[in-house]
Amino acid sequence: GMMVQTKDKSYFNMNAKKESLETFYFFKQLYQSKRCLIILDGYYEWQD
């Protein structure tokens, strides 16, 4: 999780949408030089 900064606010973020990599400046900058892999063997999801 990281604090994301926009023009008018900052907020805590733990998931970044793949579709926003080219449109959201904050993630676009990280995508250019701060890429990583997360290692896991499973995850949980909640069905409403």
ModelCIF file with pLDDT and N, C-alpha, C, O atoms, coordinates in Angstrom:
data_MODEL
#
_entry.id   MODEL 
#
_entity.id                         1 
_entity.type                       polymer 
_entity.pdbx_number_of_molecules   1 
#
_entity_poly.entity_id                      1 
_entity_poly.type                           'polypeptide(L)' 
_entity_poly.nstd_linkage                   no 
_entity_poly.nstd_monomer                   no 
_entity_poly.pdbx_seq_one_letter_code       GMMVQTKDKSYFNMNAKKESLETFYFFKQLYQSKRCLIILDGYYEWQD 
_entity_poly.pdbx_seq_one_letter_code_can   GMMVQTKDKSYFNMNAKKESLETFYFFKQLYQSKRCLIILDGYYEWQD 
_entity_poly.pdbx_strand_id                 A 
#
loop_
_entity_poly_seq.entity_id 
_entity_poly_seq.num 
_entity_poly_seq.mon_id 
_entity_poly_seq.hetero 
1 1  GLY n 
1 2  MET n 
1 3  MET n 
1 4  VAL n 
1 5  GLN n 
1 6  THR n 
1 7  LYS n 
1 8  ASP n 
1 9  LYS n 
1 10 SER n 
1 11 TYR n 
1 12 PHE n 
1 13 ASN n 
1 14 MET n 
1 15 ASN n 
1 16 ALA n 
1 17 LYS n 
1 18 LYS n 
1 19 GLU n 
1 20 SER n 
1 21 LEU n 
1 22 GLU n 
1 23 THR n 
1 24 PHE n 
1 25 TYR n 
1 26 PHE n 
1 27 PHE n 
1 28 LYS n 
1 29 GLN n 
1 30 LEU n 
1 31 TYR n 
1 32 GLN n 
1 33 SER n 
1 34 LYS n 
1 35 ARG n 
1 36 CYS n 
1 37 LEU n 
1 38 ILE n 
1 39 ILE n 
1 40 LEU n 
1 41 ASP n 
1 42 GLY n 
1 43 TYR n 
1 44 TYR n 
1 45 GLU n 
1 46 TRP n 
1 47 GLN n 
1 48 ASP n 
#
_struct_asym.id          A 
_struct_asym.entity_id   1 
#
loop_
_ma_qa_metric.id 
_ma_qa_metric.mode 
_ma_qa_metric.name 
_ma_qa_metric.software_group_id 
_ma_qa_metric.type 
1 global pLDDT . pLDDT 
2 local  pLDDT . pLDDT 
#
_ma_qa_metric_global.metric_id      1 
_ma_qa_metric_global.metric_value   93.81 
_ma_qa_metric_global.model_id       1 
_ma_qa_metric_global.ordinal_id     1 
#
loop_
_ma_qa_metric_local.label_asym_id 
_ma_qa_metric_local.label_comp_id 
_ma_qa_metric_local.label_seq_id 
_ma_qa_metric_local.metric_id 
_ma_qa_metric_local.metric_value 
_ma_qa_metric_local.model_id 
_ma_qa_metric_local.ordinal_id 
A GLY 1  2 97.00 1 1  
A MET 2  2 97.00 1 2  
A MET 3  2 94.00 1 3  
A VAL 4  2 93.00 1 4  
A GLN 5  2 85.00 1 5  
A THR 6  2 85.00 1 6  
A LYS 7  2 83.00 1 7  
A ASP 8  2 86.00 1 8  
A LYS 9  2 89.00 1 9  
A SER 10 2 91.00 1 10 
A TYR 11 2 93.00 1 11 
A PHE 12 2 95.00 1 12 
A ASN 13 2 95.00 1 13 
A MET 14 2 96.00 1 14 
A ASN 15 2 95.00 1 15 
A ALA 16 2 95.00 1 16 
A LYS 17 2 95.00 1 17 
A LYS 18 2 95.00 1 18 
A GLU 19 2 93.00 1 19 
A SER 20 2 91.00 1 20 
A LEU 21 2 91.00 1 21 
A GLU 22 2 86.00 1 22 
A THR 23 2 89.00 1 23 
A PHE 24 2 91.00 1 24 
A TYR 25 2 91.00 1 25 
A PHE 26 2 93.00 1 26 
A PHE 27 2 94.00 1 27 
A LYS 28 2 94.00 1 28 
A GLN 29 2 94.00 1 29 
A LEU 30 2 96.00 1 30 
A TYR 31 2 96.00 1 31 
A GLN 32 2 95.00 1 32 
A SER 33 2 94.00 1 33 
A LYS 34 2 97.00 1 34 
A ARG 35 2 98.00 1 35 
A CYS 36 2 98.00 1 36 
A LEU 37 2 98.00 1 37 
A ILE 38 2 98.00 1 38 
A ILE 39 2 98.00 1 39 
A LEU 40 2 98.00 1 40 
A ASP 41 2 96.00 1 41 
A GLY 42 2 97.00 1 42 
A TYR 43 2 98.00 1 43 
A TYR 44 2 98.00 1 44 
A GLU 45 2 97.00 1 45 
A TRP 46 2 97.00 1 46 
A GLN 47 2 96.00 1 47 
A ASP 48 2 92.00 1 48 
#
loop_
_atom_site.group_PDB 
_atom_site.id 
_atom_site.type_symbol 
_atom_site.label_atom_id 
_atom_site.label_alt_id 
_atom_site.label_comp_id 
_atom_site.label_asym_id 
_atom_site.label_entity_id 
_atom_site.label_seq_id 
_atom_site.pdbx_PDB_ins_code 
_atom_site.Cartn_x 
_atom_site.Cartn_y 
_atom_site.Cartn_z 
_atom_site.occupancy 
_atom_site.B_iso_or_equiv 
_atom_site.pdbx_formal_charge 
_atom_site.auth_seq_id 
_atom_site.auth_comp_id 
_atom_site.auth_asym_id 
_atom_site.auth_atom_id 
_atom_site.pdbx_PDB_model_num 
ATOM 1   N N  . GLY A 1 1  ? 0.820   -1.206  0.000   1.00 97.00 ? 1  GLY A N  1 
ATOM 2   C CA . GLY A 1 1  ? 0.000   0.000   0.000   1.00 97.00 ? 1  GLY A CA 1 
ATOM 3   C C  . GLY A 1 1  ? 0.854   1.255   0.000   1.00 97.00 ? 1  GLY A C  1 
ATOM 4   O O  . GLY A 1 1  ? 1.905   1.299   0.638   1.00 97.00 ? 1  GLY A O  1 
ATOM 5   N N  . MET A 1 2  ? 0.406   2.264   -0.709  1.00 97.00 ? 2  MET A N  1 
ATOM 6   C CA . MET A 1 2  ? 1.150   3.524   -0.790  1.00 97.00 ? 2  MET A CA 1 
ATOM 7   C C  . MET A 1 2  ? 0.192   4.706   -0.811  1.00 97.00 ? 2  MET A C  1 
ATOM 8   O O  . MET A 1 2  ? -0.981  4.568   -1.161  1.00 97.00 ? 2  MET A O  1 
ATOM 9   N N  . MET A 1 3  ? 0.707   5.860   -0.434  1.00 94.00 ? 3  MET A N  1 
ATOM 10  C CA . MET A 1 3  ? -0.069  7.086   -0.522  1.00 94.00 ? 3  MET A CA 1 
ATOM 11  C C  . MET A 1 3  ? 0.039   7.619   -1.950  1.00 94.00 ? 3  MET A C  1 
ATOM 12  O O  . MET A 1 3  ? 1.134   7.852   -2.461  1.00 94.00 ? 3  MET A O  1 
ATOM 13  N N  . VAL A 1 4  ? -1.107  7.804   -2.573  1.00 93.00 ? 4  VAL A N  1 
ATOM 14  C CA . VAL A 1 4  ? -1.171  8.307   -3.946  1.00 93.00 ? 4  VAL A CA 1 
ATOM 15  C C  . VAL A 1 4  ? -1.538  9.786   -3.913  1.00 93.00 ? 4  VAL A C  1 
ATOM 16  O O  . VAL A 1 4  ? -2.470  10.187  -3.216  1.00 93.00 ? 4  VAL A O  1 
ATOM 17  N N  . GLN A 1 5  ? -0.817  10.575  -4.651  1.00 85.00 ? 5  GLN A N  1 
ATOM 18  C CA . GLN A 1 5  ? -1.036  12.018  -4.667  1.00 85.00 ? 5  GLN A CA 1 
ATOM 19  C C  . GLN A 1 5  ? -1.657  12.459  -6.002  1.00 85.00 ? 5  GLN A C  1 
ATOM 20  O O  . GLN A 1 5  ? -1.140  12.145  -7.074  1.00 85.00 ? 5  GLN A O  1 
ATOM 21  N N  . THR A 1 6  ? -2.763  13.185  -5.913  1.00 85.00 ? 6  THR A N  1 
ATOM 22  C CA . THR A 1 6  ? -3.363  13.807  -7.090  1.00 85.00 ? 6  THR A CA 1 
ATOM 23  C C  . THR A 1 6  ? -3.298  15.321  -6.911  1.00 85.00 ? 6  THR A C  1 
ATOM 24  O O  . THR A 1 6  ? -2.701  15.810  -5.952  1.00 85.00 ? 6  THR A O  1 
ATOM 25  N N  . LYS A 1 7  ? -3.906  16.057  -7.825  1.00 83.00 ? 7  LYS A N  1 
ATOM 26  C CA . LYS A 1 7  ? -3.856  17.521  -7.735  1.00 83.00 ? 7  LYS A CA 1 
ATOM 27  C C  . LYS A 1 7  ? -4.550  18.046  -6.487  1.00 83.00 ? 7  LYS A C  1 
ATOM 28  O O  . LYS A 1 7  ? -4.094  19.017  -5.884  1.00 83.00 ? 7  LYS A O  1 
ATOM 29  N N  . ASP A 1 8  ? -5.658  17.405  -6.094  1.00 86.00 ? 8  ASP A N  1 
ATOM 30  C CA . ASP A 1 8  ? -6.419  17.926  -4.973  1.00 86.00 ? 8  ASP A CA 1 
ATOM 31  C C  . ASP A 1 8  ? -6.455  17.079  -3.724  1.00 86.00 ? 8  ASP A C  1 
ATOM 32  O O  . ASP A 1 8  ? -7.005  17.520  -2.715  1.00 86.00 ? 8  ASP A O  1 
ATOM 33  N N  . LYS A 1 9  ? -5.887  15.865  -3.743  1.00 89.00 ? 9  LYS A N  1 
ATOM 34  C CA . LYS A 1 9  ? -5.952  15.039  -2.540  1.00 89.00 ? 9  LYS A CA 1 
ATOM 35  C C  . LYS A 1 9  ? -4.892  13.935  -2.578  1.00 89.00 ? 9  LYS A C  1 
ATOM 36  O O  . LYS A 1 9  ? -4.272  13.673  -3.609  1.00 89.00 ? 9  LYS A O  1 
ATOM 37  N N  . SER A 1 10 ? -4.712  13.312  -1.438  1.00 91.00 ? 10 SER A N  1 
ATOM 38  C CA . SER A 1 10 ? -3.869  12.121  -1.360  1.00 91.00 ? 10 SER A CA 1 
ATOM 39  C C  . SER A 1 10 ? -4.672  11.027  -0.665  1.00 91.00 ? 10 SER A C  1 
ATOM 40  O O  . SER A 1 10 ? -5.515  11.314  0.184   1.00 91.00 ? 10 SER A O  1 
ATOM 41  N N  . TYR A 1 11 ? -4.411  9.780   -1.026  1.00 93.00 ? 11 TYR A N  1 
ATOM 42  C CA . TYR A 1 11 ? -5.171  8.683   -0.441  1.00 93.00 ? 11 TYR A CA 1 
ATOM 43  C C  . TYR A 1 11 ? -4.344  7.407   -0.451  1.00 93.00 ? 11 TYR A C  1 
ATOM 44  O O  . TYR A 1 11 ? -3.399  7.272   -1.228  1.00 93.00 ? 11 TYR A O  1 
ATOM 45  N N  . PHE A 1 12 ? -4.713  6.467   0.425   1.00 95.00 ? 12 PHE A N  1 
ATOM 46  C CA . PHE A 1 12 ? -4.021  5.192   0.522   1.00 95.00 ? 12 PHE A CA 1 
ATOM 47  C C  . PHE A 1 12 ? -4.505  4.260   -0.582  1.00 95.00 ? 12 PHE A C  1 
ATOM 48  O O  . PHE A 1 12 ? -5.709  4.111   -0.793  1.00 95.00 ? 12 PHE A O  1 
ATOM 49  N N  . ASN A 1 13 ? -3.568  3.636   -1.283  1.00 95.00 ? 13 ASN A N  1 
ATOM 50  C CA . ASN A 1 13 ? -3.902  2.765   -2.410  1.00 95.00 ? 13 ASN A CA 1 
ATOM 51  C C  . ASN A 1 13 ? -3.162  1.441   -2.277  1.00 95.00 ? 13 ASN A C  1 
ATOM 52  O O  . ASN A 1 13 ? -1.968  1.423   -1.978  1.00 95.00 ? 13 ASN A O  1 
ATOM 53  N N  . MET A 1 14 ? -3.873  0.322   -2.500  1.00 96.00 ? 14 MET A N  1 
ATOM 54  C CA . MET A 1 14 ? -3.228  -0.993  -2.450  1.00 96.00 ? 14 MET A CA 1 
ATOM 55  C C  . MET A 1 14 ? -3.342  -1.747  -3.765  1.00 96.00 ? 14 MET A C  1 
ATOM 56  O O  . MET A 1 14 ? -2.650  -2.745  -3.967  1.00 96.00 ? 14 MET A O  1 
ATOM 57  N N  . ASN A 1 15 ? -4.220  -1.277  -4.676  1.00 95.00 ? 15 ASN A N  1 
ATOM 58  C CA . ASN A 1 15 ? -4.403  -1.902  -5.988  1.00 95.00 ? 15 ASN A CA 1 
ATOM 59  C C  . ASN A 1 15 ? -4.401  -0.822  -7.066  1.00 95.00 ? 15 ASN A C  1 
ATOM 60  O O  . ASN A 1 15 ? -5.084  0.193   -6.933  1.00 95.00 ? 15 ASN A O  1 
ATOM 61  N N  . ALA A 1 16 ? -3.640  -1.038  -8.125  1.00 95.00 ? 16 ALA A N  1 
ATOM 62  C CA . ALA A 1 16 ? -3.599  -0.105  -9.248  1.00 95.00 ? 16 ALA A CA 1 
ATOM 63  C C  . ALA A 1 16 ? -4.226  -0.757  -10.474 1.00 95.00 ? 16 ALA A C  1 
ATOM 64  O O  . ALA A 1 16 ? -3.849  -1.870  -10.844 1.00 95.00 ? 16 ALA A O  1 
ATOM 65  N N  . LYS A 1 17 ? -5.168  -0.084  -11.100 1.00 95.00 ? 17 LYS A N  1 
ATOM 66  C CA . LYS A 1 17 ? -5.803  -0.635  -12.293 1.00 95.00 ? 17 LYS A CA 1 
ATOM 67  C C  . LYS A 1 17 ? -4.828  -0.622  -13.476 1.00 95.00 ? 17 LYS A C  1 
ATOM 68  O O  . LYS A 1 17 ? -4.205  0.396   -13.775 1.00 95.00 ? 17 LYS A O  1 
ATOM 69  N N  . LYS A 1 18 ? -4.716  -1.753  -14.125 1.00 95.00 ? 18 LYS A N  1 
ATOM 70  C CA . LYS A 1 18 ? -3.866  -1.869  -15.309 1.00 95.00 ? 18 LYS A CA 1 
ATOM 71  C C  . LYS A 1 18 ? -4.262  -0.832  -16.355 1.00 95.00 ? 18 LYS A C  1 
ATOM 72  O O  . LYS A 1 18 ? -3.406  -0.279  -17.046 1.00 95.00 ? 18 LYS A O  1 
ATOM 73  N N  . GLU A 1 19 ? -5.558  -0.575  -16.466 1.00 93.00 ? 19 GLU A N  1 
ATOM 74  C CA . GLU A 1 19 ? -6.064  0.366   -17.477 1.00 93.00 ? 19 GLU A CA 1 
ATOM 75  C C  . GLU A 1 19 ? -5.640  1.813   -17.220 1.00 93.00 ? 19 GLU A C  1 
ATOM 76  O O  . GLU A 1 19 ? -5.737  2.659   -18.110 1.00 93.00 ? 19 GLU A O  1 
ATOM 77  N N  . SER A 1 20 ? -5.166  2.097   -15.990 1.00 91.00 ? 20 SER A N  1 
ATOM 78  C CA . SER A 1 20 ? -4.818  3.480   -15.640 1.00 91.00 ? 20 SER A CA 1 
ATOM 79  C C  . SER A 1 20 ? -3.342  3.802   -15.855 1.00 91.00 ? 20 SER A C  1 
ATOM 80  O O  . SER A 1 20 ? -2.918  4.933   -15.617 1.00 91.00 ? 20 SER A O  1 
ATOM 81  N N  . LEU A 1 21 ? -2.560  2.834   -16.297 1.00 91.00 ? 21 LEU A N  1 
ATOM 82  C CA . LEU A 1 21 ? -1.118  3.039   -16.409 1.00 91.00 ? 21 LEU A CA 1 
ATOM 83  C C  . LEU A 1 21 ? -0.747  4.134   -17.395 1.00 91.00 ? 21 LEU A C  1 
ATOM 84  O O  . LEU A 1 21 ? 0.260   4.818   -17.210 1.00 91.00 ? 21 LEU A O  1 
ATOM 85  N N  . GLU A 1 22 ? -1.544  4.308   -18.434 1.00 86.00 ? 22 GLU A N  1 
ATOM 86  C CA . GLU A 1 22 ? -1.230  5.316   -19.441 1.00 86.00 ? 22 GLU A CA 1 
ATOM 87  C C  . GLU A 1 22 ? -1.979  6.625   -19.231 1.00 86.00 ? 22 GLU A C  1 
ATOM 88  O O  . GLU A 1 22 ? -1.702  7.613   -19.911 1.00 86.00 ? 22 GLU A O  1 
ATOM 89  N N  . THR A 1 23 ? -2.928  6.640   -18.292 1.00 89.00 ? 23 THR A N  1 
ATOM 90  C CA . THR A 1 23 ? -3.758  7.843   -18.131 1.00 89.00 ? 23 THR A CA 1 
ATOM 91  C C  . THR A 1 23 ? -3.565  8.544   -16.791 1.00 89.00 ? 23 THR A C  1 
ATOM 92  O O  . THR A 1 23 ? -3.727  9.762   -16.710 1.00 89.00 ? 23 THR A O  1 
ATOM 93  N N  . PHE A 1 24 ? -3.224  7.809   -15.747 1.00 91.00 ? 24 PHE A N  1 
ATOM 94  C CA . PHE A 1 24 ? -3.065  8.399   -14.418 1.00 91.00 ? 24 PHE A CA 1 
ATOM 95  C C  . PHE A 1 24 ? -1.584  8.699   -14.204 1.00 91.00 ? 24 PHE A C  1 
ATOM 96  O O  . PHE A 1 24 ? -0.766  7.780   -14.148 1.00 91.00 ? 24 PHE A O  1 
ATOM 97  N N  . TYR A 1 25 ? -1.237  9.972   -14.086 1.00 91.00 ? 25 TYR A N  1 
ATOM 98  C CA . TYR A 1 25 ? 0.159   10.403  -14.060 1.00 91.00 ? 25 TYR A CA 1 
ATOM 99  C C  . TYR A 1 25 ? 0.961   9.706   -12.962 1.00 91.00 ? 25 TYR A C  1 
ATOM 100 O O  . TYR A 1 25 ? 2.099   9.299   -13.199 1.00 91.00 ? 25 TYR A O  1 
ATOM 101 N N  . PHE A 1 26 ? 0.396   9.562   -11.779 1.00 93.00 ? 26 PHE A N  1 
ATOM 102 C CA . PHE A 1 26 ? 1.125   8.981   -10.647 1.00 93.00 ? 26 PHE A CA 1 
ATOM 103 C C  . PHE A 1 26 ? 1.592   7.568   -10.976 1.00 93.00 ? 26 PHE A C  1 
ATOM 104 O O  . PHE A 1 26 ? 2.762   7.239   -10.783 1.00 93.00 ? 26 PHE A O  1 
ATOM 105 N N  . PHE A 1 27 ? 0.683   6.732   -11.472 1.00 94.00 ? 27 PHE A N  1 
ATOM 106 C CA . PHE A 1 27 ? 1.038   5.350   -11.800 1.00 94.00 ? 27 PHE A CA 1 
ATOM 107 C C  . PHE A 1 27 ? 1.880   5.280   -13.072 1.00 94.00 ? 27 PHE A C  1 
ATOM 108 O O  . PHE A 1 27 ? 2.733   4.403   -13.207 1.00 94.00 ? 27 PHE A O  1 
ATOM 109 N N  . LYS A 1 28 ? 1.645   6.190   -13.990 1.00 94.00 ? 28 LYS A N  1 
ATOM 110 C CA . LYS A 1 28 ? 2.415   6.209   -15.232 1.00 94.00 ? 28 LYS A CA 1 
ATOM 111 C C  . LYS A 1 28 ? 3.900   6.411   -14.943 1.00 94.00 ? 28 LYS A C  1 
ATOM 112 O O  . LYS A 1 28 ? 4.752   5.777   -15.566 1.00 94.00 ? 28 LYS A O  1 
ATOM 113 N N  . GLN A 1 29 ? 4.206   7.297   -13.995 1.00 94.00 ? 29 GLN A N  1 
ATOM 114 C CA . GLN A 1 29 ? 5.596   7.548   -13.628 1.00 94.00 ? 29 GLN A CA 1 
ATOM 115 C C  . GLN A 1 29 ? 6.238   6.301   -13.005 1.00 94.00 ? 29 GLN A C  1 
ATOM 116 O O  . GLN A 1 29 ? 7.375   5.958   -13.328 1.00 94.00 ? 29 GLN A O  1 
ATOM 117 N N  . LEU A 1 30 ? 5.511   5.634   -12.119 1.00 96.00 ? 30 LEU A N  1 
ATOM 118 C CA . LEU A 1 30 ? 6.048   4.428   -11.494 1.00 96.00 ? 30 LEU A CA 1 
ATOM 119 C C  . LEU A 1 30 ? 6.222   3.308   -12.516 1.00 96.00 ? 30 LEU A C  1 
ATOM 120 O O  . LEU A 1 30 ? 7.183   2.541   -12.457 1.00 96.00 ? 30 LEU A O  1 
ATOM 121 N N  . TYR A 1 31 ? 5.289   3.228   -13.443 1.00 96.00 ? 31 TYR A N  1 
ATOM 122 C CA . TYR A 1 31 ? 5.326   2.174   -14.463 1.00 96.00 ? 31 TYR A CA 1 
ATOM 123 C C  . TYR A 1 31 ? 6.575   2.287   -15.333 1.00 96.00 ? 31 TYR A C  1 
ATOM 124 O O  . TYR A 1 31 ? 7.070   1.279   -15.839 1.00 96.00 ? 31 TYR A O  1 
ATOM 125 N N  . GLN A 1 32 ? 7.079   3.480   -15.508 1.00 95.00 ? 32 GLN A N  1 
ATOM 126 C CA . GLN A 1 32 ? 8.247   3.687   -16.353 1.00 95.00 ? 32 GLN A CA 1 
ATOM 127 C C  . GLN A 1 32 ? 9.539   3.194   -15.705 1.00 95.00 ? 32 GLN A C  1 
ATOM 128 O O  . GLN A 1 32 ? 10.463  2.782   -16.407 1.00 95.00 ? 32 GLN A O  1 
ATOM 129 N N  . SER A 1 33 ? 9.614   3.232   -14.380 1.00 94.00 ? 33 SER A N  1 
ATOM 130 C CA . SER A 1 33 ? 10.906  2.901   -13.753 1.00 94.00 ? 33 SER A CA 1 
ATOM 131 C C  . SER A 1 33 ? 10.822  2.154   -12.422 1.00 94.00 ? 33 SER A C  1 
ATOM 132 O O  . SER A 1 33 ? 11.858  1.779   -11.871 1.00 94.00 ? 33 SER A O  1 
ATOM 133 N N  . LYS A 1 34 ? 9.629   1.930   -11.895 1.00 97.00 ? 34 LYS A N  1 
ATOM 134 C CA . LYS A 1 34 ? 9.496   1.294   -10.580 1.00 97.00 ? 34 LYS A CA 1 
ATOM 135 C C  . LYS A 1 34 ? 8.560   0.077   -10.662 1.00 97.00 ? 34 LYS A C  1 
ATOM 136 O O  . LYS A 1 34 ? 7.568   -0.019  -9.939  1.00 97.00 ? 34 LYS A O  1 
ATOM 137 N N  . ARG A 1 35 ? 8.906   -0.837  -11.557 1.00 98.00 ? 35 ARG A N  1 
ATOM 138 C CA . ARG A 1 35 ? 8.105   -2.048  -11.722 1.00 98.00 ? 35 ARG A CA 1 
ATOM 139 C C  . ARG A 1 35 ? 8.642   -3.162  -10.818 1.00 98.00 ? 35 ARG A C  1 
ATOM 140 O O  . ARG A 1 35 ? 9.846   -3.254  -10.574 1.00 98.00 ? 35 ARG A O  1 
ATOM 141 N N  . CYS A 1 36 ? 7.739   -3.997  -10.333 1.00 98.00 ? 36 CYS A N  1 
ATOM 142 C CA . CYS A 1 36 ? 8.155   -5.110  -9.496  1.00 98.00 ? 36 CYS A CA 1 
ATOM 143 C C  . CYS A 1 36 ? 7.176   -6.268  -9.659  1.00 98.00 ? 36 CYS A C  1 
ATOM 144 O O  . CYS A 1 36 ? 6.136   -6.139  -10.305 1.00 98.00 ? 36 CYS A O  1 
ATOM 145 N N  . LEU A 1 37 ? 7.531   -7.389  -9.064  1.00 98.00 ? 37 LEU A N  1 
ATOM 146 C CA . LEU A 1 37 ? 6.660   -8.557  -9.023  1.00 98.00 ? 37 LEU A CA 1 
ATOM 147 C C  . LEU A 1 37 ? 6.337   -8.861  -7.566  1.00 98.00 ? 37 LEU A C  1 
ATOM 148 O O  . LEU A 1 37 ? 7.183   -8.700  -6.687  1.00 98.00 ? 37 LEU A O  1 
ATOM 149 N N  . ILE A 1 38 ? 5.130   -9.293  -7.323  1.00 98.00 ? 38 ILE A N  1 
ATOM 150 C CA . ILE A 1 38 ? 4.719   -9.716  -5.992  1.00 98.00 ? 38 ILE A CA 1 
ATOM 151 C C  . ILE A 1 38 ? 4.574   -11.229 -6.019  1.00 98.00 ? 38 ILE A C  1 
ATOM 152 O O  . ILE A 1 38 ? 3.926   -11.782 -6.907  1.00 98.00 ? 38 ILE A O  1 
ATOM 153 N N  . ILE A 1 39 ? 5.177   -11.893 -5.047  1.00 98.00 ? 39 ILE A N  1 
ATOM 154 C CA . ILE A 1 39 ? 5.176   -13.350 -4.992  1.00 98.00 ? 39 ILE A CA 1 
ATOM 155 C C  . ILE A 1 39 ? 4.036   -13.815 -4.084  1.00 98.00 ? 39 ILE A C  1 
ATOM 156 O O  . ILE A 1 39 ? 3.922   -13.359 -2.947  1.00 98.00 ? 39 ILE A O  1 
ATOM 157 N N  . LEU A 1 40 ? 3.196   -14.717 -4.583  1.00 98.00 ? 40 LEU A N  1 
ATOM 158 C CA . LEU A 1 40 ? 2.123   -15.270 -3.772  1.00 98.00 ? 40 LEU A CA 1 
ATOM 159 C C  . LEU A 1 40 ? 1.748   -16.639 -4.302  1.00 98.00 ? 40 LEU A C  1 
ATOM 160 O O  . LEU A 1 40 ? 2.074   -16.990 -5.436  1.00 98.00 ? 40 LEU A O  1 
ATOM 161 N N  . ASP A 1 41 ? 1.062   -17.410 -3.473  1.00 96.00 ? 41 ASP A N  1 
ATOM 162 C CA . ASP A 1 41 ? 0.575   -18.684 -3.982  1.00 96.00 ? 41 ASP A CA 1 
ATOM 163 C C  . ASP A 1 41 ? -0.944  -18.772 -3.928  1.00 96.00 ? 41 ASP A C  1 
ATOM 164 O O  . ASP A 1 41 ? -1.516  -19.826 -4.208  1.00 96.00 ? 41 ASP A O  1 
ATOM 165 N N  . GLY A 1 42 ? -1.595  -17.680 -3.571  1.00 97.00 ? 42 GLY A N  1 
ATOM 166 C CA . GLY A 1 42 ? -3.046  -17.619 -3.601  1.00 97.00 ? 42 GLY A CA 1 
ATOM 167 C C  . GLY A 1 42 ? -3.527  -16.300 -3.032  1.00 97.00 ? 42 GLY A C  1 
ATOM 168 O O  . GLY A 1 42 ? -2.778  -15.595 -2.356  1.00 97.00 ? 42 GLY A O  1 
ATOM 169 N N  . TYR A 1 43 ? -4.772  -15.969 -3.305  1.00 98.00 ? 43 TYR A N  1 
ATOM 170 C CA . TYR A 1 43 ? -5.342  -14.744 -2.740  1.00 98.00 ? 43 TYR A CA 1 
ATOM 171 C C  . TYR A 1 43 ? -6.821  -14.964 -2.445  1.00 98.00 ? 43 TYR A C  1 
ATOM 172 O O  . TYR A 1 43 ? -7.444  -15.895 -2.954  1.00 98.00 ? 43 TYR A O  1 
ATOM 173 N N  . TYR A 1 44 ? -7.362  -14.085 -1.615  1.00 98.00 ? 44 TYR A N  1 
ATOM 174 C CA . TYR A 1 44 ? -8.771  -14.165 -1.244  1.00 98.00 ? 44 TYR A CA 1 
ATOM 175 C C  . TYR A 1 44 ? -9.564  -13.082 -1.962  1.00 98.00 ? 44 TYR A C  1 
ATOM 176 O O  . TYR A 1 44 ? -9.082  -11.970 -2.179  1.00 98.00 ? 44 TYR A O  1 
ATOM 177 N N  . GLU A 1 45 ? -10.777 -13.432 -2.320  1.00 97.00 ? 45 GLU A N  1 
ATOM 178 C CA . GLU A 1 45 ? -11.696 -12.453 -2.896  1.00 97.00 ? 45 GLU A CA 1 
ATOM 179 C C  . GLU A 1 45 ? -13.068 -12.676 -2.278  1.00 97.00 ? 45 GLU A C  1 
ATOM 180 O O  . GLU A 1 45 ? -13.438 -13.800 -1.937  1.00 97.00 ? 45 GLU A O  1 
ATOM 181 N N  . TRP A 1 46 ? -13.819 -11.582 -2.138  1.00 97.00 ? 46 TRP A N  1 
ATOM 182 C CA . TRP A 1 46 ? -15.118 -11.654 -1.497  1.00 97.00 ? 46 TRP A CA 1 
ATOM 183 C C  . TRP A 1 46 ? -16.235 -11.442 -2.512  1.00 97.00 ? 46 TRP A C  1 
ATOM 184 O O  . TRP A 1 46 ? -16.271 -10.434 -3.218  1.00 97.00 ? 46 TRP A O  1 
ATOM 185 N N  . GLN A 1 47 ? -17.141 -12.407 -2.572  1.00 96.00 ? 47 GLN A N  1 
ATOM 186 C CA . GLN A 1 47 ? -18.292 -12.330 -3.472  1.00 96.00 ? 47 GLN A CA 1 
ATOM 187 C C  . GLN A 1 47 ? -19.471 -11.728 -2.712  1.00 96.00 ? 47 GLN A C  1 
ATOM 188 O O  . GLN A 1 47 ? -19.864 -12.219 -1.654  1.00 96.00 ? 47 GLN A O  1 
ATOM 189 N N  . ASP A 1 48 ? -20.023 -10.664 -3.268  1.00 92.00 ? 48 ASP A N  1 
ATOM 190 C CA . ASP A 1 48 ? -21.168 -10.006 -2.652  1.00 92.00 ? 48 ASP A CA 1 
ATOM 191 C C  . ASP A 1 48 ? -22.419 -10.863 -2.842  1.00 92.00 ? 48 ASP A C  1 
ATOM 192 O O  . ASP A 1 48 ? -23.501 -10.484 -2.393  1.00 92.00 ? 48 ASP A O  1 
#
